[in-house]
Amino acid sequence: MDSQNKSFPVTWDQFHRDSRALAWRLTEKGPFEALVAITRGGLVPAAIVARELNIRLVETVSIRSYDHQSQGELEVMKTITEAVLNTKGKVLIVDDLVDTGATARVVRDMLPEAHFATVYAKPKGRPLVDTFITEVSQDTWIYFPWDLEVAYAPPIHGGTD
């Protein structure tokens, strides 16, 4: 991570609250017949949203784009099943974050009529998302709870305690 990038650590509690807030925001957009989670980051918010909105048909699409530090070339590892692609009702796509929009574009091409929702959004990817909870700057690196462990955090000013 570049030293000019900002760090945004997200706890399990905060992520759960933000995912539930996403579900609340989506209640007026439904009802949804199916939900597609973008793996792996979208699995946790998708489970919370599916529970809150009582969506039983839950599918995944697997697209690899990130390592732990940067975004690389996209690879579709698992596509969406015909059962969801042929759904007559509204489909909801859920992910944890839209960053540059590269992954969102691939999934949007698969389901152009679906409603796309993310918990967090960055400016470059923001136009591809229909609903989100929190926008962060493009130079912010979000550390999700599954990326973290308890450790000392130095002060923002760069000095020592």
Protein backbone atom coordinates (compact mmCIF):
# COMPACT_ATOMS: atom_id res chain seq x y z
CA MET A 1 0.00 0.00 0.00
CA ASP A 2 1.36 3.44 -1.01
CA SER A 3 2.17 5.67 1.98
CA GLN A 4 -0.22 8.33 0.60
CA ASN A 5 -3.15 5.90 0.70
CA LYS A 6 -5.57 6.11 3.58
CA SER A 7 -6.42 3.14 5.75
CA PHE A 8 -10.04 2.34 6.68
CA PRO A 9 -10.25 -0.66 9.03
CA VAL A 10 -13.75 -2.11 9.42
CA THR A 11 -14.70 -4.21 12.46
CA TRP A 12 -17.16 -7.12 12.40
CA ASP A 13 -19.69 -5.02 14.32
CA GLN A 14 -19.42 -2.11 11.93
CA PHE A 15 -19.62 -4.37 8.87
CA HIS A 16 -22.71 -6.10 10.25
CA ARG A 17 -24.38 -2.73 10.98
CA ASP A 18 -23.49 -1.41 7.51
CA SER A 19 -24.77 -4.61 5.83
CA ARG A 20 -28.07 -4.37 7.74
CA ALA A 21 -28.30 -0.70 6.75
CA LEU A 22 -27.89 -1.83 3.14
CA ALA A 23 -30.77 -4.28 3.62
CA TRP A 24 -32.96 -1.50 5.04
CA ARG A 25 -32.14 0.71 2.05
CA LEU A 26 -32.98 -2.15 -0.33
CA THR A 27 -36.43 -2.91 1.16
CA GLU A 28 -38.07 -0.28 -1.04
CA LYS A 29 -36.25 -1.53 -4.17
CA GLY A 30 -37.60 -5.10 -3.99
CA PRO A 31 -38.98 -7.57 -3.65
CA PHE A 32 -36.12 -9.61 -5.07
CA GLU A 33 -36.54 -13.17 -6.27
CA ALA A 34 -32.82 -14.00 -6.25
CA LEU A 35 -29.56 -12.68 -4.89
CA VAL A 36 -26.11 -13.06 -6.47
CA ALA A 37 -23.12 -12.63 -4.16
CA ILE A 38 -19.79 -11.67 -5.72
CA THR A 39 -17.24 -13.90 -4.02
CA ARG A 40 -15.50 -13.72 -1.80
CA GLY A 41 -16.07 -10.26 -0.36
CA GLY A 42 -19.77 -10.23 -1.11
CA LEU A 43 -20.53 -13.45 0.78
CA VAL A 44 -20.92 -11.92 4.24
CA PRO A 45 -23.09 -8.92 3.28
CA ALA A 46 -25.11 -11.16 0.93
CA ALA A 47 -25.92 -13.55 3.79
CA ILE A 48 -27.07 -10.64 5.96
CA VAL A 49 -29.11 -9.02 3.18
CA ALA A 50 -30.66 -12.35 2.13
CA ARG A 51 -31.75 -12.99 5.72
CA GLU A 52 -33.15 -9.51 6.26
CA LEU A 53 -35.05 -9.46 2.94
CA ASN A 54 -36.09 -13.12 3.09
CA ILE A 55 -34.40 -14.02 -0.20
CA ARG A 56 -34.06 -17.80 -0.48
CA LEU A 57 -32.52 -18.18 -3.95
CA VAL A 58 -28.89 -17.22 -3.33
CA GLU A 59 -26.22 -17.69 -6.00
CA THR A 60 -22.55 -16.77 -6.35
CA VAL A 61 -20.35 -15.49 -9.12
CA SER A 62 -16.63 -15.84 -8.57
CA ILE A 63 -14.30 -13.27 -10.08
CA ARG A 64 -10.69 -12.97 -9.07
CA SER A 65 -9.26 -9.48 -9.29
CA TYR A 66 -7.37 -8.63 -6.09
CA ASP A 67 -4.41 -9.92 -4.25
CA HIS A 68 -3.87 -8.47 -0.78
CA GLN A 69 -2.33 -5.25 -2.15
CA SER A 70 -3.48 -4.46 -5.68
CA GLN A 71 -6.02 -5.09 -8.40
CA GLY A 72 -4.92 -7.36 -11.23
CA GLU A 73 -6.42 -8.89 -14.35
CA LEU A 74 -9.96 -10.23 -13.99
CA GLU A 75 -10.68 -13.95 -14.16
CA VAL A 76 -14.23 -15.35 -14.05
CA MET A 77 -13.82 -18.53 -12.02
CA LYS A 78 -17.53 -19.40 -11.64
CA THR A 79 -20.40 -17.89 -13.57
CA ILE A 80 -24.06 -17.51 -12.60
CA THR A 81 -26.35 -20.53 -13.06
CA GLU A 82 -29.09 -20.62 -15.69
CA ALA A 83 -31.71 -20.80 -12.91
CA VAL A 84 -30.80 -17.26 -11.83
CA LEU A 85 -30.03 -15.94 -15.32
CA ASN A 86 -33.55 -17.00 -16.38
CA THR A 87 -35.31 -15.67 -13.27
CA LYS A 88 -38.43 -13.71 -14.14
CA GLY A 89 -38.36 -11.61 -10.96
CA LYS A 90 -35.91 -8.97 -9.80
CA VAL A 91 -32.34 -10.07 -9.10
CA LEU A 92 -30.08 -8.39 -6.55
CA ILE A 93 -26.28 -8.40 -6.86
CA VAL A 94 -24.35 -7.84 -3.61
CA ASP A 95 -20.67 -7.12 -3.03
CA ASP A 96 -18.67 -5.65 -0.17
CA LEU A 97 -17.07 -2.89 -2.25
CA VAL A 98 -17.00 -1.33 -5.69
CA ASP A 99 -13.54 0.09 -6.33
CA THR A 100 -12.57 0.79 -9.95
CA GLY A 101 -15.74 -0.85 -11.25
CA ALA A 102 -13.91 -3.55 -13.24
CA THR A 103 -15.61 -6.46 -11.43
CA ALA A 104 -18.95 -4.64 -11.41
CA ARG A 105 -18.81 -4.20 -15.20
CA VAL A 106 -18.28 -7.95 -15.73
CA VAL A 107 -21.20 -8.89 -13.48
CA ARG A 108 -23.42 -6.13 -14.90
CA ASP A 109 -22.84 -7.63 -18.36
CA MET A 110 -24.05 -11.00 -17.02
CA LEU A 111 -27.19 -9.50 -15.41
CA PRO A 112 -27.84 -6.09 -17.01
CA GLU A 113 -31.30 -5.67 -15.42
CA ALA A 114 -30.25 -6.60 -11.88
CA HIS A 115 -30.09 -4.16 -8.98
CA PHE A 116 -26.44 -3.78 -7.88
CA ALA A 117 -25.73 -3.03 -4.20
CA THR A 118 -22.50 -2.69 -2.25
CA VAL A 119 -21.71 -1.79 1.31
CA TYR A 120 -18.86 0.55 0.33
CA ALA A 121 -18.19 2.49 -2.89
CA LYS A 122 -15.24 4.41 -4.32
CA PRO A 123 -15.71 7.21 -6.87
CA LYS A 124 -14.44 5.32 -9.94
CA GLY A 125 -16.88 2.45 -9.42
CA ARG A 126 -19.73 4.43 -7.90
CA PRO A 127 -21.66 5.00 -11.20
CA LEU A 128 -22.04 1.21 -11.64
CA VAL A 129 -23.80 0.73 -8.28
CA ASP A 130 -27.50 1.37 -7.70
CA THR A 131 -27.40 1.31 -3.88
CA PHE A 132 -24.55 1.62 -1.37
CA ILE A 133 -24.05 2.71 2.24
CA THR A 134 -20.69 4.52 2.54
CA GLU A 135 -18.50 6.23 -0.05
CA VAL A 136 -14.76 6.39 0.61
CA SER A 137 -12.07 8.18 -1.39
CA GLN A 138 -10.34 6.33 -4.22
CA ASP A 139 -7.02 6.34 -2.34
CA THR A 140 -8.53 4.62 0.72
CA TRP A 141 -7.71 0.96 1.33
CA ILE A 142 -10.52 -0.75 3.21
CA TYR A 143 -9.39 -3.48 5.60
CA PHE A 144 -12.32 -5.83 6.11
CA PRO A 145 -12.69 -7.77 9.38
CA TRP A 146 -11.53 -11.01 7.75
CA ASP A 147 -8.27 -9.23 6.79
CA LEU A 148 -7.49 -8.05 10.31
CA GLU A 149 -6.17 -9.23 13.62
CA VAL A 150 -5.76 -7.28 16.83
CA ALA A 151 -2.53 -5.26 16.71
CA TYR A 152 -1.03 -1.92 17.77
CA ALA A 153 -2.13 1.03 15.61
CA PRO A 154 0.30 3.96 15.39
CA PRO A 155 -1.16 7.50 15.71
CA ILE A 156 -2.30 9.23 12.51
CA HIS A 157 0.23 12.07 12.98
CA GLY A 158 3.04 9.57 12.36
CA GLY A 159 4.78 10.00 15.69
CA THR A 160 4.92 7.67 18.65
CA ASP A 161 2.73 7.68 21.72
